[in-house]
Full PDB file with SEQRES, HELIX, SHEET, SSBOND, CRYST1, ORIGX, SCALE, CONECT and MASTER records, all heavy atoms in Angstrom:
SEQRES   1 A   34  ARG ILE HIS SER GLU GLU TYR ARG THR CYS ALA ILE GLY          
SEQRES   2 A   34  SER SER VAL GLN PRO ALA SER HIS SER PHE GLY THR ILE          
SEQRES   3 A   34  LEU ASN THR SER ILE THR GLU SER                              
HELIX    1 AA1 GLU A    5  ALA A   11  1                                   7    
HELIX    2 AA2 PHE A   23  GLU A   33  1                                  11    
CRYST1    1.000    1.000    1.000  90.00  90.00  90.00 P 1           1          
ORIGX1      1.000000  0.000000  0.000000        0.00000                         
ORIGX2      0.000000  1.000000  0.000000        0.00000                         
ORIGX3      0.000000  0.000000  1.000000        0.00000                         
SCALE1      1.000000  0.000000  0.000000        0.00000                         
SCALE2      0.000000  1.000000  0.000000        0.00000                         
SCALE3      0.000000  0.000000  1.000000        0.00000                         
ATOM      1  N   ARG A   1       0.842  -1.226   0.009  1.00  0.00           N  
ATOM      2  CA  ARG A   1      -0.069   0.044  -0.008  1.00  0.00           C  
ATOM      3  C   ARG A   1       0.873   1.264   0.019  1.00  0.00           C  
ATOM      4  O   ARG A   1       0.347   2.341   0.346  1.00  0.00           O  
ATOM      5  CB  ARG A   1      -0.895  -0.041   1.189  1.00  0.00           C  
ATOM      6  CG  ARG A   1      -1.922  -1.176   1.205  1.00  0.00           C  
ATOM      7  CD  ARG A   1      -2.714  -1.159   2.528  1.00  0.00           C  
ATOM      8  NE  ARG A   1      -3.738  -0.060   2.437  1.00  0.00           N  
ATOM      9  CZ  ARG A   1      -4.518   0.370   3.505  1.00  0.00           C  
ATOM     10  NH1 ARG A   1      -4.329  -0.185   4.667  1.00  0.00           N  
ATOM     11  NH2 ARG A   1      -5.314   1.303   3.387  1.00  0.00           N  
ATOM     12  N   ILE A   2       2.115   1.121  -0.347  1.00  0.00           N  
ATOM     13  CA  ILE A   2       2.898   2.428  -0.367  1.00  0.00           C  
ATOM     14  C   ILE A   2       2.432   3.401  -1.326  1.00  0.00           C  
ATOM     15  O   ILE A   2       2.509   4.576  -1.145  1.00  0.00           O  
ATOM     16  CB  ILE A   2       4.467   2.023  -0.532  1.00  0.00           C  
ATOM     17  CG1 ILE A   2       5.247   3.259  -0.337  1.00  0.00           C  
ATOM     18  CG2 ILE A   2       4.733   1.425  -1.922  1.00  0.00           C  
ATOM     19  CD1 ILE A   2       6.767   3.022  -0.283  1.00  0.00           C  
ATOM     20  N   HIS A   3       1.971   2.956  -2.468  1.00  0.00           N  
ATOM     21  CA  HIS A   3       1.448   3.832  -3.480  1.00  0.00           C  
ATOM     22  C   HIS A   3       0.150   3.219  -4.040  1.00  0.00           C  
ATOM     23  O   HIS A   3      -0.077   3.096  -5.235  1.00  0.00           O  
ATOM     24  CB  HIS A   3       2.454   4.075  -4.724  1.00  0.00           C  
ATOM     25  CG  HIS A   3       3.496   5.007  -4.330  1.00  0.00           C  
ATOM     26  ND1 HIS A   3       4.781   4.849  -4.928  1.00  0.00           N  
ATOM     27  CD2 HIS A   3       3.642   6.038  -3.442  1.00  0.00           C  
ATOM     28  CE1 HIS A   3       5.622   5.734  -4.437  1.00  0.00           C  
ATOM     29  NE2 HIS A   3       4.933   6.475  -3.499  1.00  0.00           N  
ATOM     30  N   SER A   4      -0.665   2.715  -3.191  1.00  0.00           N  
ATOM     31  CA  SER A   4      -1.883   1.982  -3.543  1.00  0.00           C  
ATOM     32  C   SER A   4      -2.820   3.000  -4.231  1.00  0.00           C  
ATOM     33  O   SER A   4      -2.845   4.096  -4.144  1.00  0.00           O  
ATOM     34  CB  SER A   4      -2.566   1.367  -2.373  1.00  0.00           C  
ATOM     35  OG  SER A   4      -3.138   2.361  -1.540  1.00  0.00           O  
ATOM     36  N   GLU A   5      -3.809   2.358  -4.917  1.00  0.00           N  
ATOM     37  CA  GLU A   5      -4.837   3.175  -5.777  1.00  0.00           C  
ATOM     38  C   GLU A   5      -5.620   4.027  -4.766  1.00  0.00           C  
ATOM     39  O   GLU A   5      -6.009   5.104  -5.185  1.00  0.00           O  
ATOM     40  CB  GLU A   5      -5.640   2.260  -6.593  1.00  0.00           C  
ATOM     41  CG  GLU A   5      -6.524   3.017  -7.650  1.00  0.00           C  
ATOM     42  CD  GLU A   5      -5.635   3.721  -8.657  1.00  0.00           C  
ATOM     43  OE1 GLU A   5      -4.507   3.230  -8.980  1.00  0.00           O  
ATOM     44  OE2 GLU A   5      -6.143   4.827  -9.129  1.00  0.00           O  
ATOM     45  N   GLU A   6      -5.937   3.471  -3.574  1.00  0.00           N  
ATOM     46  CA  GLU A   6      -6.719   4.181  -2.660  1.00  0.00           C  
ATOM     47  C   GLU A   6      -6.096   5.550  -2.246  1.00  0.00           C  
ATOM     48  O   GLU A   6      -6.719   6.516  -2.202  1.00  0.00           O  
ATOM     49  CB  GLU A   6      -6.873   3.341  -1.356  1.00  0.00           C  
ATOM     50  CG  GLU A   6      -7.510   4.126  -0.254  1.00  0.00           C  
ATOM     51  CD  GLU A   6      -7.484   3.220   1.047  1.00  0.00           C  
ATOM     52  OE1 GLU A   6      -7.106   2.058   0.959  1.00  0.00           O  
ATOM     53  OE2 GLU A   6      -7.933   3.809   2.119  1.00  0.00           O  
ATOM     54  N   TYR A   7      -4.782   5.501  -2.055  1.00  0.00           N  
ATOM     55  CA  TYR A   7      -4.066   6.738  -1.664  1.00  0.00           C  
ATOM     56  C   TYR A   7      -3.672   7.592  -2.915  1.00  0.00           C  
ATOM     57  O   TYR A   7      -3.513   8.746  -2.808  1.00  0.00           O  
ATOM     58  CB  TYR A   7      -2.871   6.418  -0.826  1.00  0.00           C  
ATOM     59  CG  TYR A   7      -3.401   5.885   0.514  1.00  0.00           C  
ATOM     60  CD1 TYR A   7      -3.518   4.526   0.730  1.00  0.00           C  
ATOM     61  CD2 TYR A   7      -3.584   6.704   1.586  1.00  0.00           C  
ATOM     62  CE1 TYR A   7      -3.932   4.112   1.949  1.00  0.00           C  
ATOM     63  CE2 TYR A   7      -4.096   6.292   2.753  1.00  0.00           C  
ATOM     64  CZ  TYR A   7      -4.131   4.941   3.013  1.00  0.00           C  
ATOM     65  OH  TYR A   7      -4.616   4.455   4.223  1.00  0.00           O  
ATOM     66  N   ARG A   8      -3.615   6.893  -4.047  1.00  0.00           N  
ATOM     67  CA  ARG A   8      -3.414   7.685  -5.218  1.00  0.00           C  
ATOM     68  C   ARG A   8      -4.645   8.583  -5.610  1.00  0.00           C  
ATOM     69  O   ARG A   8      -4.454   9.710  -5.980  1.00  0.00           O  
ATOM     70  CB  ARG A   8      -3.251   6.675  -6.431  1.00  0.00           C  
ATOM     71  CG  ARG A   8      -3.107   7.291  -7.916  1.00  0.00           C  
ATOM     72  CD  ARG A   8      -2.048   8.060  -8.116  1.00  0.00           C  
ATOM     73  NE  ARG A   8      -1.952   8.549  -9.471  1.00  0.00           N  
ATOM     74  CZ  ARG A   8      -0.977   9.287  -9.878  1.00  0.00           C  
ATOM     75  NH1 ARG A   8       0.049   9.786  -9.139  1.00  0.00           N  
ATOM     76  NH2 ARG A   8      -0.953   9.777 -11.178  1.00  0.00           N  
ATOM     77  N   THR A   9      -5.827   8.113  -5.237  1.00  0.00           N  
ATOM     78  CA  THR A   9      -7.086   8.929  -5.349  1.00  0.00           C  
ATOM     79  C   THR A   9      -6.970  10.083  -4.418  1.00  0.00           C  
ATOM     80  O   THR A   9      -7.300  11.222  -4.886  1.00  0.00           O  
ATOM     81  CB  THR A   9      -8.244   8.082  -4.889  1.00  0.00           C  
ATOM     82  OG1 THR A   9      -8.278   6.881  -5.780  1.00  0.00           O  
ATOM     83  CG2 THR A   9      -9.522   8.866  -5.119  1.00  0.00           C  
ATOM     84  N   CYS A  10      -6.433  10.007  -3.247  1.00  0.00           N  
ATOM     85  CA  CYS A  10      -6.260  11.169  -2.339  1.00  0.00           C  
ATOM     86  C   CYS A  10      -5.294  12.134  -3.010  1.00  0.00           C  
ATOM     87  O   CYS A  10      -5.492  13.328  -2.906  1.00  0.00           O  
ATOM     88  CB  CYS A  10      -5.733  10.740  -0.980  1.00  0.00           C  
ATOM     89  SG  CYS A  10      -6.892   9.739   0.018  1.00  0.00           S  
ATOM     90  N   ALA A  11      -4.226  11.545  -3.635  1.00  0.00           N  
ATOM     91  CA  ALA A  11      -3.108  12.488  -4.121  1.00  0.00           C  
ATOM     92  C   ALA A  11      -3.626  13.400  -5.267  1.00  0.00           C  
ATOM     93  O   ALA A  11      -3.103  14.421  -5.527  1.00  0.00           O  
ATOM     94  CB  ALA A  11      -1.960  11.625  -4.689  1.00  0.00           C  
ATOM     95  N   ILE A  12      -4.712  13.008  -5.969  1.00  0.00           N  
ATOM     96  CA  ILE A  12      -5.204  13.892  -7.079  1.00  0.00           C  
ATOM     97  C   ILE A  12      -6.338  14.732  -6.519  1.00  0.00           C  
ATOM     98  O   ILE A  12      -7.032  15.355  -7.312  1.00  0.00           O  
ATOM     99  CB  ILE A  12      -5.590  13.053  -8.344  1.00  0.00           C  
ATOM    100  CG1 ILE A  12      -6.706  12.089  -7.933  1.00  0.00           C  
ATOM    101  CG2 ILE A  12      -4.358  12.384  -8.813  1.00  0.00           C  
ATOM    102  CD1 ILE A  12      -7.257  11.320  -9.129  1.00  0.00           C  
ATOM    103  N   GLY A  13      -6.586  14.663  -5.175  1.00  0.00           N  
ATOM    104  CA  GLY A  13      -7.528  15.697  -4.651  1.00  0.00           C  
ATOM    105  C   GLY A  13      -8.914  15.375  -4.605  1.00  0.00           C  
ATOM    106  O   GLY A  13      -9.662  16.261  -4.337  1.00  0.00           O  
ATOM    107  N   SER A  14      -9.296  14.139  -4.854  1.00  0.00           N  
ATOM    108  CA  SER A  14     -10.772  13.792  -4.954  1.00  0.00           C  
ATOM    109  C   SER A  14     -11.400  13.437  -3.579  1.00  0.00           C  
ATOM    110  O   SER A  14     -12.531  13.559  -3.445  1.00  0.00           O  
ATOM    111  CB  SER A  14     -10.955  12.743  -5.974  1.00  0.00           C  
ATOM    112  OG  SER A  14     -10.354  11.528  -5.531  1.00  0.00           O  
ATOM    113  N   SER A  15     -10.547  12.904  -2.584  1.00  0.00           N  
ATOM    114  CA  SER A  15     -11.195  12.557  -1.330  1.00  0.00           C  
ATOM    115  C   SER A  15     -10.656  13.292  -0.150  1.00  0.00           C  
ATOM    116  O   SER A  15     -11.105  13.096   0.976  1.00  0.00           O  
ATOM    117  CB  SER A  15     -10.814  11.008  -1.104  1.00  0.00           C  
ATOM    118  OG  SER A  15      -9.372  10.932  -0.919  1.00  0.00           O  
ATOM    119  N   VAL A  16      -9.781  14.417  -0.403  1.00  0.00           N  
ATOM    120  CA  VAL A  16      -9.325  15.246   0.710  1.00  0.00           C  
ATOM    121  C   VAL A  16      -9.959  16.588   0.480  1.00  0.00           C  
ATOM    122  O   VAL A  16      -9.527  17.266  -0.521  1.00  0.00           O  
ATOM    123  CB  VAL A  16      -7.893  15.304   0.847  1.00  0.00           C  
ATOM    124  CG1 VAL A  16      -7.491  16.213   1.896  1.00  0.00           C  
ATOM    125  CG2 VAL A  16      -7.301  13.899   1.038  1.00  0.00           C  
ATOM    126  N   GLN A  17     -10.905  17.048   1.237  1.00  0.00           N  
ATOM    127  CA  GLN A  17     -11.502  18.368   1.048  1.00  0.00           C  
ATOM    128  C   GLN A  17     -10.911  19.402   1.977  1.00  0.00           C  
ATOM    129  O   GLN A  17     -10.733  19.113   3.178  1.00  0.00           O  
ATOM    130  CB  GLN A  17     -13.084  18.180   1.274  1.00  0.00           C  
ATOM    131  CG  GLN A  17     -13.774  17.209   0.400  1.00  0.00           C  
ATOM    132  CD  GLN A  17     -13.670  17.726  -1.101  1.00  0.00           C  
ATOM    133  OE1 GLN A  17     -13.633  18.923  -1.400  1.00  0.00           O  
ATOM    134  NE2 GLN A  17     -13.487  16.740  -2.066  1.00  0.00           N  
ATOM    135  N   PRO A  18     -10.622  20.514   1.475  1.00  0.00           N  
ATOM    136  CA  PRO A  18     -10.094  21.604   2.460  1.00  0.00           C  
ATOM    137  C   PRO A  18     -11.185  21.895   3.451  1.00  0.00           C  
ATOM    138  O   PRO A  18     -12.365  21.842   3.212  1.00  0.00           O  
ATOM    139  CB  PRO A  18      -9.861  22.728   1.432  1.00  0.00           C  
ATOM    140  CG  PRO A  18     -10.704  22.523   0.254  1.00  0.00           C  
ATOM    141  CD  PRO A  18     -10.867  21.017   0.114  1.00  0.00           C  
ATOM    142  N   ALA A  19     -10.712  22.478   4.634  1.00  0.00           N  
ATOM    143  CA  ALA A  19     -11.619  22.913   5.690  1.00  0.00           C  
ATOM    144  C   ALA A  19     -12.484  24.092   5.229  1.00  0.00           C  
ATOM    145  O   ALA A  19     -12.039  24.997   4.473  1.00  0.00           O  
ATOM    146  CB  ALA A  19     -10.842  23.356   6.867  1.00  0.00           C  
ATOM    147  N   SER A  20     -13.776  23.971   5.540  1.00  0.00           N  
ATOM    148  CA  SER A  20     -14.681  25.132   5.142  1.00  0.00           C  
ATOM    149  C   SER A  20     -14.833  26.182   6.198  1.00  0.00           C  
ATOM    150  O   SER A  20     -15.811  26.948   6.169  1.00  0.00           O  
ATOM    151  CB  SER A  20     -16.102  24.454   4.857  1.00  0.00           C  
ATOM    152  OG  SER A  20     -16.489  23.776   5.959  1.00  0.00           O  
ATOM    153  N   HIS A  21     -13.973  26.150   7.186  1.00  0.00           N  
ATOM    154  CA  HIS A  21     -14.049  27.157   8.272  1.00  0.00           C  
ATOM    155  C   HIS A  21     -13.552  28.443   7.771  1.00  0.00           C  
ATOM    156  O   HIS A  21     -12.871  28.590   6.789  1.00  0.00           O  
ATOM    157  CB  HIS A  21     -13.260  26.625   9.461  1.00  0.00           C  
ATOM    158  CG  HIS A  21     -13.675  25.308  10.004  1.00  0.00           C  
ATOM    159  ND1 HIS A  21     -15.002  24.986  10.384  1.00  0.00           N  
ATOM    160  CD2 HIS A  21     -12.944  24.123  10.003  1.00  0.00           C  
ATOM    161  CE1 HIS A  21     -14.976  23.693  10.773  1.00  0.00           C  
ATOM    162  NE2 HIS A  21     -13.777  23.167  10.552  1.00  0.00           N  
ATOM    163  N   SER A  22     -13.873  29.470   8.674  1.00  0.00           N  
ATOM    164  CA  SER A  22     -13.256  30.839   8.324  1.00  0.00           C  
ATOM    165  C   SER A  22     -11.807  30.851   8.541  1.00  0.00           C  
ATOM    166  O   SER A  22     -11.149  30.068   9.232  1.00  0.00           O  
ATOM    167  CB  SER A  22     -13.976  31.799   9.262  1.00  0.00           C  
ATOM    168  OG  SER A  22     -13.647  31.692  10.564  1.00  0.00           O  
ATOM    169  N   PHE A  23     -11.225  31.950   7.948  1.00  0.00           N  
ATOM    170  CA  PHE A  23      -9.793  32.136   8.087  1.00  0.00           C  
ATOM    171  C   PHE A  23      -9.290  32.152   9.619  1.00  0.00           C  
ATOM    172  O   PHE A  23      -8.330  31.671   9.977  1.00  0.00           O  
ATOM    173  CB  PHE A  23      -9.321  33.364   7.370  1.00  0.00           C  
ATOM    174  CG  PHE A  23      -7.852  33.620   7.549  1.00  0.00           C  
ATOM    175  CD1 PHE A  23      -6.930  32.936   6.830  1.00  0.00           C  
ATOM    176  CD2 PHE A  23      -7.469  34.633   8.442  1.00  0.00           C  
ATOM    177  CE1 PHE A  23      -5.471  33.188   7.007  1.00  0.00           C  
ATOM    178  CE2 PHE A  23      -6.058  34.880   8.722  1.00  0.00           C  
ATOM    179  CZ  PHE A  23      -5.106  34.202   7.897  1.00  0.00           C  
ATOM    180  N   GLY A  24     -10.141  32.924  10.401  1.00  0.00           N  
ATOM    181  CA  GLY A  24      -9.880  33.104  11.760  1.00  0.00           C  
ATOM    182  C   GLY A  24      -9.915  31.739  12.543  1.00  0.00           C  
ATOM    183  O   GLY A  24      -8.980  31.462  13.398  1.00  0.00           O  
ATOM    184  N   THR A  25     -10.823  30.910  12.184  1.00  0.00           N  
ATOM    185  CA  THR A  25     -10.923  29.625  12.867  1.00  0.00           C  
ATOM    186  C   THR A  25      -9.678  28.704  12.526  1.00  0.00           C  
ATOM    187  O   THR A  25      -9.155  27.977  13.324  1.00  0.00           O  
ATOM    188  CB  THR A  25     -12.217  28.831  12.413  1.00  0.00           C  
ATOM    189  OG1 THR A  25     -13.346  29.705  12.887  1.00  0.00           O  
ATOM    190  CG2 THR A  25     -12.282  27.488  13.099  1.00  0.00           C  
ATOM    191  N   ILE A  26      -9.445  28.697  11.128  1.00  0.00           N  
ATOM    192  CA  ILE A  26      -8.271  27.955  10.745  1.00  0.00           C  
ATOM    193  C   ILE A  26      -6.940  28.440  11.401  1.00  0.00           C  
ATOM    194  O   ILE A  26      -6.128  27.593  11.802  1.00  0.00           O  
ATOM    195  CB  ILE A  26      -8.107  28.028   9.203  1.00  0.00           C  
ATOM    196  CG1 ILE A  26      -9.286  27.314   8.492  1.00  0.00           C  
ATOM    197  CG2 ILE A  26      -6.806  27.400   8.658  1.00  0.00           C  
ATOM    198  CD1 ILE A  26      -9.401  27.518   7.000  1.00  0.00           C  
ATOM    199  N   LEU A  27      -6.780  29.741  11.423  1.00  0.00           N  
ATOM    200  CA  LEU A  27      -5.640  30.343  12.093  1.00  0.00           C  
ATOM    201  C   LEU A  27      -5.521  29.940  13.570  1.00  0.00           C  
ATOM    202  O   LEU A  27      -4.446  29.429  14.106  1.00  0.00           O  
ATOM    203  CB  LEU A  27      -5.559  31.820  11.910  1.00  0.00           C  
ATOM    204  CG  LEU A  27      -4.432  32.584  12.651  1.00  0.00           C  
ATOM    205  CD1 LEU A  27      -3.042  32.112  12.042  1.00  0.00           C  
ATOM    206  CD2 LEU A  27      -4.502  34.099  12.482  1.00  0.00           C  
ATOM    207  N   ASN A  28      -6.698  29.992  14.323  1.00  0.00           N  
ATOM    208  CA  ASN A  28      -6.723  29.717  15.721  1.00  0.00           C  
ATOM    209  C   ASN A  28      -6.360  28.234  15.912  1.00  0.00           C  
ATOM    210  O   ASN A  28      -5.561  27.841  16.843  1.00  0.00           O  
ATOM    211  CB  ASN A  28      -8.035  30.047  16.345  1.00  0.00           C  
ATOM    212  CG  ASN A  28      -8.200  31.574  16.522  1.00  0.00           C  
ATOM    213  OD1 ASN A  28      -7.185  32.305  16.636  1.00  0.00           O  
ATOM    214  ND2 ASN A  28      -9.455  31.997  16.467  1.00  0.00           N  
ATOM    215  N   THR A  29      -6.931  27.383  15.053  1.00  0.00           N  
ATOM    216  CA  THR A  29      -6.691  25.895  15.258  1.00  0.00           C  
ATOM    217  C   THR A  29      -5.229  25.651  14.932  1.00  0.00           C  
ATOM    218  O   THR A  29      -4.604  24.840  15.717  1.00  0.00           O  
ATOM    219  CB  THR A  29      -7.622  25.188  14.292  1.00  0.00           C  
ATOM    220  OG1 THR A  29      -8.989  25.463  14.632  1.00  0.00           O  
ATOM    221  CG2 THR A  29      -7.352  23.628  14.488  1.00  0.00           C  
ATOM    222  N   SER A  30      -4.601  26.210  13.949  1.00  0.00           N  
ATOM    223  CA  SER A  30      -3.283  26.043  13.595  1.00  0.00           C  
ATOM    224  C   SER A  30      -2.386  26.418  14.659  1.00  0.00           C  
ATOM    225  O   SER A  30      -1.405  25.731  15.076  1.00  0.00           O  
ATOM    226  CB  SER A  30      -2.930  26.707  12.287  1.00  0.00           C  
ATOM    227  OG  SER A  30      -3.720  26.276  11.294  1.00  0.00           O  
ATOM    228  N   ILE A  31      -2.634  27.607  15.273  1.00  0.00           N  
ATOM    229  CA  ILE A  31      -1.776  28.131  16.373  1.00  0.00           C  
ATOM    230  C   ILE A  31      -1.891  27.206  17.629  1.00  0.00           C  
ATOM    231  O   ILE A  31      -0.886  26.936  18.278  1.00  0.00           O  
ATOM    232  CB  ILE A  31      -2.254  29.562  16.774  1.00  0.00           C  
ATOM    233  CG1 ILE A  31      -1.851  30.556  15.660  1.00  0.00           C  
ATOM    234  CG2 ILE A  31      -1.644  29.969  18.070  1.00  0.00           C  
ATOM    235  CD1 ILE A  31      -2.289  31.950  15.915  1.00  0.00           C  
ATOM    236  N   THR A  32      -3.154  26.744  17.899  1.00  0.00           N  
ATOM    237  CA  THR A  32      -3.286  25.853  19.109  1.00  0.00           C  
ATOM    238  C   THR A  32      -2.553  24.564  18.876  1.00  0.00           C  
ATOM    239  O   THR A  32      -1.779  24.131  19.823  1.00  0.00           O  
ATOM    240  CB  THR A  32      -4.753  25.587  19.211  1.00  0.00           C  
ATOM    241  OG1 THR A  32      -5.453  26.830  19.555  1.00  0.00           O  
ATOM    242  CG2 THR A  32      -5.045  24.735  20.514  1.00  0.00           C  
ATOM    243  N   GLU A  33      -2.730  23.908  17.715  1.00  0.00           N  
ATOM    244  CA  GLU A  33      -2.044  22.591  17.507  1.00  0.00           C  
ATOM    245  C   GLU A  33      -0.479  22.794  17.454  1.00  0.00           C  
ATOM    246  O   GLU A  33       0.352  22.012  17.899  1.00  0.00           O  
ATOM    247  CB  GLU A  33      -2.543  22.022  16.250  1.00  0.00           C  
ATOM    248  CG  GLU A  33      -4.024  21.675  16.337  1.00  0.00           C  
ATOM    249  CD  GLU A  33      -4.438  20.767  15.145  1.00  0.00           C  
ATOM    250  OE1 GLU A  33      -3.625  20.362  14.406  1.00  0.00           O  
ATOM    251  OE2 GLU A  33      -5.683  20.557  14.957  1.00  0.00           O  
ATOM    252  N   SER A  34      -0.079  23.924  16.886  1.00  0.00           N  
ATOM    253  CA  SER A  34       1.281  24.180  16.755  1.00  0.00           C  
ATOM    254  C   SER A  34       2.031  24.446  18.125  1.00  0.00           C  
ATOM    255  O   SER A  34       3.084  24.073  18.421  1.00  0.00           O  
ATOM    256  CB  SER A  34       1.649  25.359  15.787  1.00  0.00           C  
ATOM    257  OG  SER A  34       1.150  25.012  14.446  1.00  0.00           O  
TER     258      SER A  34                                                      
MASTER        0    0    0    2    0    0    0    6  257    1    0    3          
END                                                                             
């Protein structure tokens, strides 16, 4: 599964969706986790 088709699908962007939160929420979450 190092380059399996399942993860190849992720690599072309079809199964990983960007967060729909506001910029402020994304920034706050990133700062907290970092």
